[in-house]
C-alpha atoms as a PDB file:
ATOM      1  CA  UNK A   1      40.677   4.556 -71.632  1.00  0.00           C
ATOM      2  CA  UNK A   2      37.670   4.966 -73.954  1.00  0.00           C
ATOM      3  CA  UNK A   3      34.620   6.764 -72.599  1.00  0.00           C
ATOM      4  CA  UNK A   4      31.176   5.179 -72.340  1.00  0.00           C
ATOM      5  CA  UNK A   5      30.371   6.574 -75.792  1.00  0.00           C
ATOM      6  CA  UNK A   6      33.569   5.393 -77.478  1.00  0.00           C
ATOM      7  CA  UNK A   7      33.897   1.855 -78.822  1.00  0.00           C
ATOM      8  CA  UNK A   8      36.760  -0.166 -77.393  1.00  0.00           C
ATOM      9  CA  UNK A   9      39.509  -0.877 -79.901  1.00  0.00           C
ATOM     10  CA  UNK A  10      41.518  -4.045 -79.252  1.00  0.00           C
ATOM     11  CA  UNK A  11      44.703  -2.442 -80.618  1.00  0.00           C
ATOM     12  CA  UNK A  12      44.426   0.430 -78.128  1.00  0.00           C
ATOM     13  CA  UNK A  13      44.012  -1.705 -74.989  1.00  0.00           C
ATOM     14  CA  UNK A  14      47.010  -2.406 -72.759  1.00  0.00           C
ATOM     15  CA  UNK A  15      47.796  -4.998 -70.101  1.00  0.00           C
ATOM     16  CA  UNK A  16      47.560  -3.275 -66.726  1.00  0.00           C
ATOM     17  CA  UNK A  17      44.840  -0.887 -67.859  1.00  0.00           C
ATOM     18  CA  UNK A  18      42.012  -0.490 -65.322  1.00  0.00           C
ATOM     19  CA  UNK A  19      38.293  -0.664 -65.917  1.00  0.00           C
ATOM     20  CA  UNK A  20      36.176   2.199 -64.584  1.00  0.00           C
ATOM     21  CA  UNK A  21      35.215   1.432 -61.004  1.00  0.00           C
ATOM     22  CA  UNK A  22      31.666   1.501 -59.659  1.00  0.00           C
ATOM     23  CA  UNK A  23      30.706   2.033 -56.008  1.00  0.00           C
ATOM     24  CA  UNK A  24      27.599   0.564 -54.391  1.00  0.00           C
ATOM     25  CA  UNK A  25      26.020   1.148 -50.998  1.00  0.00           C
ATOM     26  CA  UNK A  26      23.106  -1.286 -50.856  1.00  0.00           C
ATOM     27  CA  UNK A  27      20.269  -0.744 -48.434  1.00  0.00           C
ATOM     28  CA  UNK A  28      17.837  -3.131 -46.716  1.00  0.00           C
ATOM     29  CA  UNK A  29      15.272  -2.791 -49.498  1.00  0.00           C
ATOM     30  CA  UNK A  30      17.714  -3.648 -52.297  1.00  0.00           C
ATOM     31  CA  UNK A  31      19.072  -6.599 -50.332  1.00  0.00           C
ATOM     32  CA  UNK A  32      15.577  -7.904 -49.574  1.00  0.00           C
ATOM     33  CA  UNK A  33      14.386  -7.603 -53.185  1.00  0.00           C
ATOM     34  CA  UNK A  34      17.566  -9.176 -54.589  1.00  0.00           C
ATOM     35  CA  UNK A  35      17.244 -12.194 -52.303  1.00  0.00           C
ATOM     36  CA  UNK A  36      13.530 -12.471 -53.059  1.00  0.00           C
ATOM     37  CA  UNK A  37      14.308 -12.777 -56.773  1.00  0.00           C
ATOM     38  CA  UNK A  38      16.814 -15.542 -55.966  1.00  0.00           C
ATOM     39  CA  UNK A  39      14.341 -17.254 -53.615  1.00  0.00           C
ATOM     40  CA  UNK A  40      17.062 -16.970 -50.989  1.00  0.00           C
ATOM     41  CA  UNK A  41      15.234 -17.012 -47.659  1.00  0.00           C
ATOM     42  CA  UNK A  42      18.293 -17.133 -45.403  1.00  0.00           C
ATOM     43  CA  UNK A  43      17.441 -14.816 -42.522  1.00  0.00           C
ATOM     44  CA  UNK A  44      20.927 -13.257 -42.376  1.00  0.00           C
ATOM     45  CA  UNK A  45      19.867 -11.181 -45.398  1.00  0.00           C
ATOM     46  CA  UNK A  46      16.624  -9.697 -44.028  1.00  0.00           C
ATOM     47  CA  UNK A  47      16.170 -10.389 -40.300  1.00  0.00           C
ATOM     48  CA  UNK A  48      18.453  -7.958 -38.454  1.00  0.00           C
ATOM     49  CA  UNK A  49      17.930  -9.368 -34.922  1.00  0.00           C
ATOM     50  CA  UNK A  50      18.511 -12.913 -36.203  1.00  0.00           C
ATOM     51  CA  UNK A  51      21.690 -11.937 -38.103  1.00  0.00           C
ATOM     52  CA  UNK A  52      23.120 -10.242 -35.010  1.00  0.00           C
ATOM     53  CA  UNK A  53      21.822 -12.342 -32.097  1.00  0.00           C
ATOM     54  CA  UNK A  54      21.781 -15.845 -33.581  1.00  0.00           C
ATOM     55  CA  UNK A  55      24.397 -15.838 -36.348  1.00  0.00           C
ATOM     56  CA  UNK A  56      26.529 -13.189 -34.591  1.00  0.00           C
ATOM     57  CA  UNK A  57      27.140 -11.010 -37.647  1.00  0.00           C
ATOM     58  CA  UNK A  58      27.554  -7.253 -37.150  1.00  0.00           C
ATOM     59  CA  UNK A  59      24.551  -6.595 -39.407  1.00  0.00           C
ATOM     60  CA  UNK A  60      22.583  -7.860 -42.400  1.00  0.00           C
ATOM     61  CA  UNK A  61      24.858  -9.786 -44.755  1.00  0.00           C
ATOM     62  CA  UNK A  62      25.020  -8.751 -48.410  1.00  0.00           C
ATOM     63  CA  UNK A  63      24.334 -11.762 -50.632  1.00  0.00           C
ATOM     64  CA  UNK A  64      27.444 -13.150 -52.330  1.00  0.00           C
ATOM     65  CA  UNK A  65      25.812 -13.460 -55.770  1.00  0.00           C
ATOM     66  CA  UNK A  66      25.094  -9.722 -55.694  1.00  0.00           C
ATOM     67  CA  UNK A  67      28.851  -9.090 -55.624  1.00  0.00           C
ATOM     68  CA  UNK A  68      29.247 -11.275 -58.710  1.00  0.00           C
ATOM     69  CA  UNK A  69      26.489  -9.339 -60.446  1.00  0.00           C
ATOM     70  CA  UNK A  70      28.288  -6.078 -59.695  1.00  0.00           C
ATOM     71  CA  UNK A  71      31.505  -7.438 -61.245  1.00  0.00           C
ATOM     72  CA  UNK A  72      29.517  -8.537 -64.295  1.00  0.00           C
ATOM     73  CA  UNK A  73      27.920  -5.072 -64.588  1.00  0.00           C
ATOM     74  CA  UNK A  74      31.329  -3.398 -64.317  1.00  0.00           C
ATOM     75  CA  UNK A  75      32.600  -5.439 -67.273  1.00  0.00           C
ATOM     76  CA  UNK A  76      29.434  -4.956 -69.325  1.00  0.00           C
ATOM     77  CA  UNK A  77      29.543  -1.189 -68.790  1.00  0.00           C
ATOM     78  CA  UNK A  78      33.198  -1.091 -69.856  1.00  0.00           C
ATOM     79  CA  UNK A  79      32.527  -3.231 -72.943  1.00  0.00           C
ATOM     80  CA  UNK A  80      29.413  -1.374 -74.042  1.00  0.00           C
ATOM     81  CA  UNK A  81      28.522  -2.563 -77.535  1.00  0.00           C
ATOM     82  CA  UNK A  82      32.180  -3.390 -78.306  1.00  0.00           C
ATOM     83  CA  UNK A  83      32.050  -6.979 -77.118  1.00  0.00           C
ATOM     84  CA  UNK A  84      30.597  -9.544 -74.793  1.00  0.00           C
ATOM     85  CA  UNK A  85      31.514 -11.205 -71.544  1.00  0.00           C
ATOM     86  CA  UNK A  86      32.256 -14.870 -72.283  1.00  0.00           C
ATOM     87  CA  UNK A  87      33.187 -16.149 -68.812  1.00  0.00           C
ATOM     88  CA  UNK A  88      33.498 -15.038 -65.221  1.00  0.00           C
ATOM     89  CA  UNK A  89      34.595 -16.880 -62.098  1.00  0.00           C
ATOM     90  CA  UNK A  90      34.779 -15.330 -58.664  1.00  0.00           C
ATOM     91  CA  UNK A  91      34.785 -16.257 -54.990  1.00  0.00           C
ATOM     92  CA  UNK A  92      33.536 -14.469 -51.904  1.00  0.00           C
ATOM     93  CA  UNK A  93      36.378 -14.229 -49.398  1.00  0.00           C
ATOM     94  CA  UNK A  94      34.846 -11.969 -46.726  1.00  0.00           C
ATOM     95  CA  UNK A  95      31.340 -11.043 -45.710  1.00  0.00           C
ATOM     96  CA  UNK A  96      30.034  -7.533 -46.267  1.00  0.00           C
ATOM     97  CA  UNK A  97      27.168  -5.781 -44.551  1.00  0.00           C
ATOM     98  CA  UNK A  98      24.441  -3.221 -45.114  1.00  0.00           C
ATOM     99  CA  UNK A  99      25.883   0.241 -44.598  1.00  0.00           C
ATOM    100  CA  UNK A 100      29.213  -0.542 -46.234  1.00  0.00           C
ATOM    101  CA  UNK A 101      30.194   0.977 -49.560  1.00  0.00           C
ATOM    102  CA  UNK A 102      31.697  -1.587 -51.924  1.00  0.00           C
ATOM    103  CA  UNK A 103      33.536  -0.964 -55.183  1.00  0.00           C
ATOM    104  CA  UNK A 104      33.752  -3.120 -58.287  1.00  0.00           C
ATOM    105  CA  UNK A 105      36.596  -2.871 -60.751  1.00  0.00           C
ATOM    106  CA  UNK A 106      39.053  -4.742 -62.873  1.00  0.00           C
ATOM    107  CA  UNK A 107      42.384  -4.750 -64.658  1.00  0.00           C
ATOM    108  CA  UNK A 108      43.369  -6.159 -68.059  1.00  0.00           C
ATOM    109  CA  UNK A 109      45.819  -9.011 -67.460  1.00  0.00           C
ATOM    110  CA  UNK A 110      46.095 -10.531 -70.936  1.00  0.00           C
ATOM    111  CA  UNK A 111      45.225  -9.612 -74.516  1.00  0.00           C
ATOM    112  CA  UNK A 112      44.853 -12.306 -77.165  1.00  0.00           C
ATOM    113  CA  UNK A 113      44.675 -10.347 -80.420  1.00  0.00           C
ATOM    114  CA  UNK A 114      44.370 -13.464 -82.599  1.00  0.00           C
ATOM    115  CA  UNK A 115      41.149 -14.505 -80.839  1.00  0.00           C
ATOM    116  CA  UNK A 116      40.062 -10.949 -79.979  1.00  0.00           C
ATOM    117  CA  UNK A 117      39.889 -11.880 -76.285  1.00  0.00           C
ATOM    118  CA  UNK A 118      40.785  -9.932 -73.175  1.00  0.00           C
ATOM    119  CA  UNK A 119      41.378 -11.548 -69.786  1.00  0.00           C
ATOM    120  CA  UNK A 120      40.491  -9.440 -66.774  1.00  0.00           C
ATOM    121  CA  UNK A 121      41.213  -9.663 -63.086  1.00  0.00           C
ATOM    122  CA  UNK A 122      38.008  -8.369 -61.488  1.00  0.00           C
ATOM    123  CA  UNK A 123      37.205  -7.586 -57.875  1.00  0.00           C
ATOM    124  CA  UNK A 124      34.982  -6.133 -55.215  1.00  0.00           C
ATOM    125  CA  UNK A 125      36.719  -4.108 -52.501  1.00  0.00           C
ATOM    126  CA  UNK A 126      35.403  -2.887 -49.167  1.00  0.00           C
ATOM    127  CA  UNK A 127      35.834   0.605 -47.725  1.00  0.00           C
ATOM    128  CA  UNK A 128      39.299  -0.299 -46.430  1.00  0.00           C
ATOM    129  CA  UNK A 129      40.405  -1.296 -49.940  1.00  0.00           C
ATOM    130  CA  UNK A 130      40.534  -5.016 -49.106  1.00  0.00           C
ATOM    131  CA  UNK A 131      39.543  -7.324 -51.949  1.00  0.00           C
ATOM    132  CA  UNK A 132      36.591  -9.286 -50.556  1.00  0.00           C
ATOM    133  CA  UNK A 133      35.641 -10.972 -53.844  1.00  0.00           C
ATOM    134  CA  UNK A 134      38.350 -11.628 -56.460  1.00  0.00           C
ATOM    135  CA  UNK A 135      37.610 -13.019 -59.898  1.00  0.00           C
ATOM    136  CA  UNK A 136      38.792 -13.702 -63.427  1.00  0.00           C
ATOM    137  CA  UNK A 137      36.788 -12.869 -66.527  1.00  0.00           C
ATOM    138  CA  UNK A 138      37.181 -13.208 -70.265  1.00  0.00           C
ATOM    139  CA  UNK A 139      35.621 -10.880 -72.802  1.00  0.00           C
ATOM    140  CA  UNK A 140      35.516 -11.099 -76.565  1.00  0.00           C
ATOM    141  CA  UNK A 141      35.678  -7.892 -78.557  1.00  0.00           C
ATOM    142  CA  UNK A 142      33.706  -7.597 -81.780  1.00  0.00           C
END
């Protein structure tokens, strides 16, 4: 796997190869600011008593779009200046909460040398290793 300073070479990539993983442990401040930027005022993301007592979550809920952003960042970091992300689709399958450490990653599932495209299975896992947000992405190498 190329390092952050090495350009990706399409001929050197292999199906099954993993992207470098990234781990995140968001705090209340990051969650609040992220949702403020999105204009997402749902109280489950910033009002701890409301999230627990009214919605019956075990804590503040991490915003689903933040998980998608982490997948996107994982791909962009792997690509560096060697290409660009052309599409990404993902779904949130389980909630996650402040205090949990989550990990983003991916695996090459297809290489289209003629079109210089790589298909990736991307994901966010929780501390137990469960995939809570699976996705598919396509990147084009330059």
